[in-house]
Amino acid sequence: MVTLTGTLNYFRLCGSPTGPSRVPIYKPAPIVFSTIKTLGPTLYTEDTMSNGLVDVFNQDRGSQKIFALMEDPNVQDIRCNNHKTLFFVDHEGSKSITGLFAGRAQYESFINQLLLLTDVGYKSLDDVKSSVVEGSFRPDRTKIRGSIFVGTSDVTRGEPVLVIRKQPVRALTLDDLLGQHMMSLDMRLFLQQAVQGRLNMLIAGGSGAGKTTMARALAWFIDPAQRVVTCEDIEELHLDENLPNVVALTSYRELDERGSLVREETLENLVRHALRMRADRIWVGETRGREAYALVKACLSGHDGSVTTLHANSASQAIKQLVSYVMESGMTEEVARDQVSQAFHLAVQIQQVKLGRRVVTEIVELENVREGGEQRRNDLWRYDFATDTHLRVGAPSPRLRAALERGNVNIVDPTMMFSTWGQDPRG
């Protein structure tokens, strides 16, 4: 053990991640360095870490570059496959930085420090009792909003894999997404009224497509008098920032010293708990298993206005995926299709197109299943990749109109521009 007393200069990085300049943001402060590793950053504990990101980032070339990316509002995801190379995604697409950390020891020391900023419950990789680690950044430690995922050496058979998912500090609105050309004006108005009319929606897309961003944008139109319960594996929705009556539930696993499961609250359990909490709406961060059946039951029992996201490459696949998840409860495919079509009204598909831009590519209405179990759908909008335009291709069914009317929303309002349903907006 080596103990040193010294001085640490703190810097803020300015400029691009590949060519930052160092500008001191306040005077050097005395600090105690303990357990110095060769080529590794200063090691902090929860007691000695006083400045969150400032403590962790700004200690070596790798952490400095990651700090610059974390502060860049255009950067969405940061991915480290090993100590040598970092990949990140911004508004221009995927990019990489090489020569990140001097070695594996430095890289793992950085991850250990990063864990202290999260709610994962582990202070270092040596304490981890599972093959993967997921958690959210703690607001009392840093103003950076987002989550981390670490694949340990148990599954990578090499160096740990680090993924940082960033979220905007301020939840984007539908108007923000409209300004980013994510959708057309009539789509934006329709989605607003879909929330106000308490339609149940699936928001689908690939990783990083903007599913959570869309869900948070839709939440702006929830009646503040309504009680919303969110169920997530990792807290990302943060609806309580804009709504007064929100209960946020997060799943967890408790392991003993040998890594054996002691207690677990699954996403399925959380949805069931939400039913007992007098929720008006239930929002599930991401559906990927048996919780789908619990959510479908909730939607069919009066919890209108519920929303979930799931991974899928198209609206059709999203519907099929949800059906397959419901079938995990023991239902036949035909019954599962019928339940899903009755529980949910809309599927909204989001996709990344050129230059990393996110676009709503489909809005599809789920209709009742035909005799024989045939899944029916009514396409309302689709995105034309060739012309970069959104086309209205269908009109809401009488069932959808009736659902909106029950929610005190009249979609015949002329400001909604429904007089041109089915027409090419380009004229």
Protein backbone atom coordinates (compact mmCIF):
# COMPACT_ATOMS: atom_id res chain seq x y z
CA MET A 1 0.00 0.00 0.00
CA VAL A 2 1.31 3.41 -0.97
CA THR A 3 -0.17 6.61 0.39
CA LEU A 4 0.69 9.99 -1.07
CA THR A 5 -0.42 13.54 -0.35
CA GLY A 6 -0.49 15.84 -3.29
CA THR A 7 -2.42 18.28 -5.46
CA LEU A 8 -4.85 17.57 -8.27
CA ASN A 9 -5.68 20.01 -11.05
CA TYR A 10 -9.21 19.77 -12.38
CA PHE A 11 -9.89 20.69 -15.96
CA ARG A 12 -12.86 20.99 -18.24
CA LEU A 13 -12.35 19.80 -21.79
CA CYS A 14 -13.30 22.15 -24.56
CA GLY A 15 -13.52 21.45 -28.27
CA SER A 16 -14.03 18.16 -30.07
CA PRO A 17 -13.44 14.77 -28.44
CA THR A 18 -10.53 14.15 -30.77
CA GLY A 19 -8.78 17.44 -30.09
CA PRO A 20 -9.78 18.91 -26.75
CA SER A 21 -8.11 21.75 -24.95
CA ARG A 22 -7.71 21.82 -21.14
CA VAL A 23 -9.09 24.79 -19.26
CA PRO A 24 -8.92 24.91 -15.43
CA ILE A 25 -12.35 25.38 -13.91
CA TYR A 26 -11.21 26.05 -10.37
CA LYS A 27 -8.06 26.18 -8.29
CA PRO A 28 -6.18 22.96 -7.42
CA ALA A 29 -7.31 21.44 -4.15
CA PRO A 30 -5.36 19.18 -1.76
CA ILE A 31 -6.37 15.54 -1.90
CA VAL A 32 -5.14 12.22 -0.57
CA PHE A 33 -4.16 9.61 -3.17
CA SER A 34 -4.38 6.01 -2.00
CA THR A 35 -3.78 2.63 -3.63
CA ILE A 36 -2.02 3.95 -6.69
CA LYS A 37 -2.00 1.51 -9.61
CA THR A 38 0.59 1.56 -12.32
CA LEU A 39 -0.66 3.82 -15.12
CA GLY A 40 -4.03 3.90 -13.42
CA PRO A 41 -6.13 6.90 -12.38
CA THR A 42 -6.45 8.10 -8.82
CA LEU A 43 -8.74 5.73 -6.92
CA TYR A 44 -11.61 7.30 -5.04
CA THR A 45 -14.11 5.88 -2.62
CA GLU A 46 -17.67 7.04 -2.04
CA ASP A 47 -16.35 9.01 0.96
CA THR A 48 -13.51 10.77 -0.86
CA MET A 49 -15.41 11.41 -4.11
CA SER A 50 -16.79 14.91 -3.72
CA ASN A 51 -17.15 16.16 -7.25
CA GLY A 52 -18.76 13.28 -9.15
CA LEU A 53 -17.62 13.31 -12.74
CA VAL A 54 -14.93 15.85 -12.01
CA ASP A 55 -13.24 13.28 -9.78
CA VAL A 56 -13.44 10.43 -12.28
CA PHE A 57 -13.02 12.13 -15.62
CA ASN A 58 -9.94 14.34 -16.25
CA GLN A 59 -7.33 11.98 -14.87
CA ASP A 60 -5.91 10.39 -18.01
CA ARG A 61 -6.33 10.51 -21.77
CA GLY A 62 -9.11 7.91 -21.85
CA SER A 63 -11.24 9.46 -19.13
CA GLN A 64 -10.74 12.93 -20.63
CA LYS A 65 -12.03 11.85 -24.01
CA ILE A 66 -15.04 10.11 -22.46
CA PHE A 67 -15.76 13.25 -20.42
CA ALA A 68 -15.80 15.32 -23.62
CA LEU A 69 -18.27 12.89 -25.19
CA MET A 70 -20.45 12.87 -22.09
CA GLU A 71 -20.74 16.65 -22.22
CA ASP A 72 -21.44 16.76 -25.96
CA PRO A 73 -25.23 17.05 -26.40
CA ASN A 74 -25.01 15.45 -29.85
CA VAL A 75 -23.54 12.20 -28.54
CA GLN A 76 -26.08 9.47 -27.81
CA ASP A 77 -24.14 6.30 -26.95
CA ILE A 78 -20.56 5.58 -25.88
CA ARG A 79 -19.20 2.04 -26.28
CA CYS A 80 -15.84 0.65 -25.16
CA ASN A 81 -15.05 -2.89 -26.34
CA ASN A 82 -11.64 -2.80 -24.66
CA HIS A 83 -9.04 -0.36 -23.38
CA LYS A 84 -7.85 0.53 -26.89
CA THR A 85 -10.93 1.60 -28.84
CA LEU A 86 -14.08 3.63 -28.14
CA PHE A 87 -17.08 3.93 -30.44
CA PHE A 88 -19.73 6.60 -30.15
CA VAL A 89 -22.82 7.76 -32.03
CA ASP A 90 -23.71 11.38 -32.69
CA HIS A 91 -25.90 13.25 -35.19
CA GLU A 92 -23.47 12.33 -37.97
CA GLY A 93 -23.46 8.61 -37.28
CA SER A 94 -21.00 6.16 -35.72
CA LYS A 95 -17.40 7.25 -35.00
CA SER A 96 -14.41 5.82 -33.16
CA ILE A 97 -11.41 6.92 -31.08
CA THR A 98 -8.30 4.74 -30.78
CA GLY A 99 -5.50 4.69 -28.23
CA LEU A 100 -7.93 5.31 -25.41
CA PHE A 101 -6.32 3.94 -22.22
CA ALA A 102 -2.68 2.98 -21.66
CA GLY A 103 -3.61 -0.54 -20.64
CA ARG A 104 -6.25 -2.87 -19.25
CA ALA A 105 -5.48 -1.93 -15.62
CA GLN A 106 -6.14 1.73 -16.32
CA TYR A 107 -9.34 0.90 -18.19
CA GLU A 108 -10.69 -1.31 -15.39
CA SER A 109 -9.74 1.30 -12.76
CA PHE A 110 -11.80 3.83 -14.69
CA ILE A 111 -14.80 1.48 -14.77
CA ASN A 112 -14.47 0.98 -11.02
CA GLN A 113 -14.64 4.74 -10.49
CA LEU A 114 -17.60 4.99 -12.84
CA LEU A 115 -19.51 2.40 -10.80
CA LEU A 116 -19.39 4.75 -7.80
CA LEU A 117 -21.50 7.24 -9.74
CA THR A 118 -24.29 4.72 -10.33
CA ASP A 119 -26.87 2.78 -8.36
CA VAL A 120 -25.51 -0.68 -9.30
CA GLY A 121 -24.60 -1.47 -5.70
CA TYR A 122 -21.01 -2.53 -6.47
CA LYS A 123 -17.91 -0.50 -5.65
CA SER A 124 -15.61 -2.31 -8.08
CA LEU A 125 -15.55 -5.07 -10.68
CA ASP A 126 -14.05 -7.36 -8.04
CA ASP A 127 -17.33 -7.12 -6.07
CA VAL A 128 -19.57 -7.99 -9.01
CA LYS A 129 -21.38 -11.31 -8.53
CA SER A 130 -23.07 -11.47 -11.93
CA SER A 131 -21.85 -11.61 -15.52
CA VAL A 132 -23.37 -8.23 -16.44
CA VAL A 133 -23.95 -5.02 -14.52
CA GLU A 134 -26.65 -2.44 -15.33
CA GLY A 135 -27.49 0.77 -13.53
CA SER A 136 -28.37 4.44 -13.77
CA PHE A 137 -26.26 7.46 -12.88
CA ARG A 138 -27.12 8.83 -9.46
CA PRO A 139 -28.36 12.43 -9.54
CA ASP A 140 -26.55 13.17 -6.27
CA ARG A 141 -23.25 12.22 -7.89
CA THR A 142 -23.45 13.75 -11.34
CA LYS A 143 -25.69 15.89 -13.50
CA ILE A 144 -25.13 13.56 -16.45
CA ARG A 145 -28.31 11.65 -17.19
CA GLY A 146 -28.11 8.10 -18.44
CA SER A 147 -27.24 4.51 -17.66
CA ILE A 148 -24.33 2.11 -17.97
CA PHE A 149 -23.97 -1.51 -18.96
CA VAL A 150 -20.87 -3.55 -18.18
CA GLY A 151 -20.23 -7.00 -19.57
CA THR A 152 -17.67 -8.55 -17.23
CA SER A 153 -14.80 -10.84 -18.15
CA ASP A 154 -17.01 -13.82 -17.29
CA VAL A 155 -18.95 -13.37 -20.51
CA THR A 156 -16.49 -11.46 -22.69
CA ARG A 157 -13.60 -13.87 -21.97
CA GLY A 158 -11.36 -10.86 -22.13
CA GLU A 159 -11.60 -7.24 -21.12
CA PRO A 160 -14.87 -5.83 -19.77
CA VAL A 161 -17.23 -4.17 -22.25
CA LEU A 162 -18.61 -0.76 -21.23
CA VAL A 163 -21.69 0.91 -22.75
CA ILE A 164 -22.89 4.35 -21.65
CA ARG A 165 -26.37 5.39 -22.77
CA LYS A 166 -26.99 9.12 -22.53
CA GLN A 167 -30.29 10.88 -22.02
CA PRO A 168 -31.07 14.55 -22.50
CA VAL A 169 -31.09 16.46 -19.21
CA ARG A 170 -34.35 18.04 -20.34
CA ALA A 171 -37.02 15.74 -21.70
CA LEU A 172 -37.65 16.57 -25.34
CA THR A 173 -41.15 17.50 -26.43
CA LEU A 174 -43.04 16.47 -29.54
CA ASP A 175 -42.34 19.95 -30.86
CA ASP A 176 -38.61 19.29 -30.40
CA LEU A 177 -38.94 16.04 -32.33
CA LEU A 178 -40.96 17.84 -35.00
CA GLY A 179 -38.14 20.37 -35.28
CA GLN A 180 -35.71 17.49 -35.81
CA HIS A 181 -37.90 16.29 -38.72
CA MET A 182 -38.70 13.10 -36.87
CA MET A 183 -42.34 13.34 -37.90
CA SER A 184 -44.79 15.54 -39.78
CA LEU A 185 -47.06 18.14 -38.22
CA ASP A 186 -50.22 16.06 -38.56
CA MET A 187 -48.44 13.06 -36.98
CA ARG A 188 -47.35 15.23 -34.06
CA LEU A 189 -50.93 16.47 -33.53
CA PHE A 190 -52.34 12.96 -33.78
CA LEU A 191 -49.88 11.56 -31.22
CA GLN A 192 -50.77 14.36 -28.83
CA GLN A 193 -54.43 13.51 -29.06
CA ALA A 194 -53.64 9.78 -28.80
CA VAL A 195 -52.12 10.45 -25.36
CA GLN A 196 -54.90 12.81 -24.31
CA GLY A 197 -57.47 10.28 -25.52
CA ARG A 198 -55.75 7.54 -23.47
CA LEU A 199 -54.89 5.18 -26.30
CA ASN A 200 -52.61 2.27 -25.42
CA MET A 201 -49.44 2.38 -27.52
CA LEU A 202 -46.44 0.29 -28.50
CA ILE A 203 -43.30 2.28 -29.32
CA ALA A 204 -40.91 0.08 -31.28
CA GLY A 205 -37.48 0.38 -32.84
CA GLY A 206 -33.90 -0.81 -32.71
CA SER A 207 -31.26 0.06 -30.12
CA GLY A 208 -30.73 3.82 -29.94
CA ALA A 209 -33.67 4.56 -32.24
CA GLY A 210 -35.26 6.97 -29.75
CA LYS A 211 -37.99 4.84 -28.15
CA THR A 212 -37.47 6.21 -24.64
CA THR A 213 -37.12 9.74 -26.02
CA MET A 214 -40.49 9.37 -27.74
CA ALA A 215 -42.14 7.95 -24.62
CA ARG A 216 -40.89 10.88 -22.52
CA ALA A 217 -42.10 13.34 -25.16
CA LEU A 218 -45.58 11.80 -25.16
CA ALA A 219 -45.77 12.06 -21.37
CA TRP A 220 -45.99 15.86 -21.57
CA PHE A 221 -49.67 15.44 -22.54
CA ILE A 222 -50.73 13.26 -19.62
CA ASP A 223 -53.34 14.91 -17.40
CA PRO A 224 -51.49 15.97 -14.20
CA ALA A 225 -54.42 14.70 -12.14
CA GLN A 226 -53.80 11.14 -13.33
CA ARG A 227 -51.61 8.69 -11.43
CA VAL A 228 -48.84 7.12 -13.51
CA VAL A 229 -46.79 4.10 -12.40
CA THR A 230 -43.62 3.39 -14.38
CA CYS A 231 -41.99 -0.05 -14.39
CA GLU A 232 -38.39 -0.38 -15.58
CA ASP A 233 -35.28 -2.49 -15.27
CA ILE A 234 -33.17 0.68 -15.38
CA GLU A 235 -34.72 4.04 -14.54
CA GLU A 236 -34.82 6.05 -17.76
CA LEU A 237 -38.31 7.52 -18.15
CA HIS A 238 -38.12 10.04 -15.25
CA LEU A 239 -41.74 11.11 -15.75
CA ASP A 240 -41.81 12.58 -12.23
CA GLU A 241 -39.83 15.58 -13.51
CA ASN A 242 -42.89 16.91 -15.32
CA LEU A 243 -45.80 15.15 -13.63
CA PRO A 244 -46.81 15.45 -9.96
CA ASN A 245 -48.35 12.00 -9.40
CA VAL A 246 -45.77 9.46 -10.58
CA VAL A 247 -44.54 6.30 -8.87
CA ALA A 248 -41.33 4.90 -10.35
CA LEU A 249 -40.71 1.18 -9.80
CA THR A 250 -37.39 -0.45 -10.70
CA SER A 251 -36.63 -4.16 -10.76
CA TYR A 252 -33.72 -5.54 -8.75
CA ARG A 253 -31.87 -8.75 -7.86
CA GLU A 254 -30.25 -9.45 -4.50
CA LEU A 255 -27.39 -11.95 -4.49
CA ASP A 256 -25.52 -13.46 -1.60
CA GLU A 257 -21.72 -13.58 -1.26
CA ARG A 258 -21.55 -16.65 -3.53
CA GLY A 259 -23.67 -15.01 -6.23
CA SER A 260 -26.79 -17.06 -5.50
CA LEU A 261 -30.18 -15.34 -5.88
CA VAL A 262 -31.65 -14.23 -2.54
CA ARG A 263 -34.51 -12.01 -3.66
CA GLU A 264 -35.79 -10.69 -6.96
CA GLU A 265 -38.41 -8.22 -8.13
CA THR A 266 -38.94 -8.81 -11.83
CA LEU A 267 -40.55 -6.45 -14.32
CA GLU A 268 -43.55 -8.78 -14.35
CA ASN A 269 -43.87 -8.39 -10.57
CA LEU A 270 -43.65 -4.61 -10.87
CA VAL A 271 -46.54 -4.46 -13.36
CA ARG A 272 -48.63 -6.57 -10.99
CA HIS A 273 -47.70 -4.27 -8.11
CA ALA A 274 -48.75 -1.28 -10.21
CA LEU A 275 -52.27 -2.68 -10.42
CA ARG A 276 -52.53 -2.45 -6.62
CA MET A 277 -51.22 1.10 -6.55
CA ARG A 278 -54.35 2.58 -8.13
CA ALA A 279 -52.53 3.54 -11.32
CA ASP A 280 -54.48 5.36 -14.02
CA ARG A 281 -51.73 4.60 -16.54
CA ILE A 282 -48.93 2.03 -16.49
CA TRP A 283 -45.80 2.77 -18.51
CA VAL A 284 -43.29 -0.04 -18.98
CA GLY A 285 -39.81 1.08 -19.98
CA GLU A 286 -39.19 -1.94 -22.21
CA THR A 287 -41.17 -5.14 -22.64
CA ARG A 288 -39.11 -8.23 -23.36
CA GLY A 289 -40.75 -11.15 -21.58
CA ARG A 290 -43.57 -12.37 -19.35
CA GLU A 291 -44.38 -8.85 -18.15
CA ALA A 292 -46.21 -8.47 -21.49
CA TYR A 293 -49.10 -10.62 -20.27
CA ALA A 294 -49.43 -8.61 -17.07
CA LEU A 295 -49.45 -5.36 -19.08
CA VAL A 296 -52.06 -6.68 -21.53
CA LYS A 297 -54.28 -7.65 -18.58
CA ALA A 298 -53.81 -4.17 -17.14
CA CYS A 299 -54.81 -2.53 -20.43
CA LEU A 300 -57.91 -4.73 -20.63
CA SER A 301 -58.92 -3.91 -17.05
CA GLY A 302 -59.29 -0.16 -17.40
CA HIS A 303 -55.73 1.18 -17.36
CA ASP A 304 -56.13 3.10 -20.61
CA GLY A 305 -53.32 5.32 -21.79
CA SER A 306 -50.60 2.77 -21.03
CA VAL A 307 -47.40 2.71 -23.05
CA THR A 308 -44.47 0.34 -23.52
CA THR A 309 -41.43 0.15 -25.76
CA LEU A 310 -39.91 -2.93 -27.35
CA HIS A 311 -37.20 -3.84 -29.82
CA ALA A 312 -38.46 -4.51 -33.34
CA ASN A 313 -37.55 -3.62 -36.92
CA SER A 314 -41.12 -2.85 -38.05
CA ALA A 315 -44.58 -2.26 -36.65
CA SER A 316 -45.67 -5.73 -37.82
CA GLN A 317 -42.73 -7.32 -36.08
CA ALA A 318 -43.47 -5.32 -32.94
CA ILE A 319 -47.01 -6.69 -32.82
CA LYS A 320 -45.78 -10.25 -33.45
CA GLN A 321 -43.08 -9.82 -30.80
CA LEU A 322 -45.62 -8.71 -28.21
CA VAL A 323 -47.85 -11.66 -29.10
CA SER A 324 -44.94 -14.06 -28.59
CA TYR A 325 -44.20 -12.51 -25.19
CA VAL A 326 -47.84 -12.94 -24.15
CA MET A 327 -47.70 -16.58 -25.28
CA GLU A 328 -44.98 -17.18 -22.65
CA SER A 329 -47.83 -17.14 -20.12
CA GLY A 330 -49.25 -20.31 -21.70
CA MET A 331 -51.76 -18.76 -24.12
CA THR A 332 -52.29 -20.12 -27.60
CA GLU A 333 -51.16 -17.89 -30.45
CA GLU A 334 -54.73 -17.17 -31.56
CA VAL A 335 -55.85 -16.12 -28.08
CA ALA A 336 -52.66 -14.05 -27.58
CA ARG A 337 -53.25 -12.20 -30.87
CA ASP A 338 -56.82 -11.42 -29.85
CA GLN A 339 -55.74 -10.16 -26.43
CA VAL A 340 -53.02 -7.92 -27.87
CA SER A 341 -55.31 -6.45 -30.54
CA GLN A 342 -57.91 -5.60 -27.93
CA ALA A 343 -55.43 -4.22 -25.41
CA PHE A 344 -53.41 -1.93 -27.69
CA HIS A 345 -54.57 0.67 -30.19
CA LEU A 346 -51.38 1.90 -31.89
CA ALA A 347 -47.87 0.80 -32.82
CA VAL A 348 -45.35 3.59 -33.47
CA GLN A 349 -42.17 2.50 -35.27
CA ILE A 350 -38.97 4.58 -35.05
CA GLN A 351 -35.81 4.04 -37.08
CA GLN A 352 -32.42 5.64 -37.53
CA VAL A 353 -31.83 6.78 -41.10
CA LYS A 354 -28.87 8.49 -42.75
CA LEU A 355 -26.53 10.61 -40.60
CA GLY A 356 -27.94 9.13 -37.41
CA ARG A 357 -31.27 10.96 -37.78
CA ARG A 358 -34.25 9.37 -36.07
CA VAL A 359 -37.53 9.10 -37.95
CA VAL A 360 -41.01 7.77 -37.18
CA THR A 361 -41.38 5.33 -40.07
CA GLU A 362 -44.84 3.94 -39.27
CA ILE A 363 -47.93 4.61 -37.21
CA VAL A 364 -50.21 1.58 -37.35
CA GLU A 365 -53.59 0.94 -35.78
CA LEU A 366 -54.20 -2.54 -34.37
CA GLU A 367 -57.62 -3.83 -35.36
CA ASN A 368 -59.62 -6.74 -34.04
CA VAL A 369 -58.41 -10.20 -35.01
CA ARG A 370 -60.40 -11.87 -37.75
CA GLU A 371 -62.04 -15.25 -37.31
CA GLY A 372 -59.28 -17.81 -37.54
CA GLY A 373 -56.75 -15.65 -35.70
CA GLU A 374 -55.63 -13.44 -38.60
CA GLN A 375 -53.96 -10.28 -37.32
CA ARG A 376 -55.42 -7.14 -38.89
CA ARG A 377 -53.77 -3.74 -39.03
CA ASN A 378 -54.69 -0.34 -40.39
CA ASP A 379 -51.71 1.71 -41.63
CA LEU A 380 -52.13 5.41 -40.82
CA TRP A 381 -48.71 6.88 -41.73
CA ARG A 382 -45.55 5.63 -43.35
CA TYR A 383 -42.21 7.18 -44.14
CA ASP A 384 -41.06 7.33 -47.76
CA PHE A 385 -37.27 6.79 -47.69
CA ALA A 386 -36.84 7.85 -51.33
CA THR A 387 -38.42 11.29 -50.88
CA ASP A 388 -37.80 11.77 -47.14
CA THR A 389 -41.47 12.52 -46.51
CA HIS A 390 -44.23 11.18 -44.30
CA LEU A 391 -47.36 10.03 -46.11
CA ARG A 392 -50.84 9.64 -44.68
CA VAL A 393 -52.03 6.33 -46.03
CA GLY A 394 -55.15 5.57 -44.00
CA ALA A 395 -57.83 6.91 -41.70
CA PRO A 396 -58.63 5.90 -38.12
CA SER A 397 -61.19 3.13 -37.86
CA PRO A 398 -64.56 3.65 -36.12
CA ARG A 399 -63.13 1.64 -33.18
CA LEU A 400 -60.23 4.08 -32.80
CA ARG A 401 -62.48 7.11 -33.12
CA ALA A 402 -64.77 5.67 -30.45
CA ALA A 403 -61.80 5.09 -28.13
CA LEU A 404 -60.69 8.71 -28.55
CA GLU A 405 -64.21 9.97 -27.95
CA ARG A 406 -64.33 8.00 -24.69
CA GLY A 407 -61.20 9.93 -23.77
CA ASN A 408 -63.02 13.20 -24.59
CA VAL A 409 -61.00 13.76 -27.77
CA ASN A 410 -62.74 14.57 -31.04
CA ILE A 411 -60.39 13.84 -33.92
CA VAL A 412 -62.80 15.41 -36.40
CA ASP A 413 -61.40 18.77 -35.26
CA PRO A 414 -60.45 20.59 -38.50
CA THR A 415 -57.15 21.75 -36.97
CA MET A 416 -56.07 18.10 -37.14
CA MET A 417 -56.17 18.24 -40.94
CA PHE A 418 -58.03 14.97 -41.24
CA SER A 419 -59.87 16.33 -44.27
CA THR A 420 -56.95 15.19 -46.41
CA TRP A 421 -56.67 11.61 -45.16
CA GLY A 422 -55.16 9.33 -47.78
CA GLN A 423 -53.85 12.18 -49.92
CA ASP A 424 -50.20 12.76 -50.73
CA PRO A 425 -49.21 15.87 -48.69
CA ARG A 426 -46.96 16.96 -51.55
CA GLY A 427 -50.05 17.55 -53.64
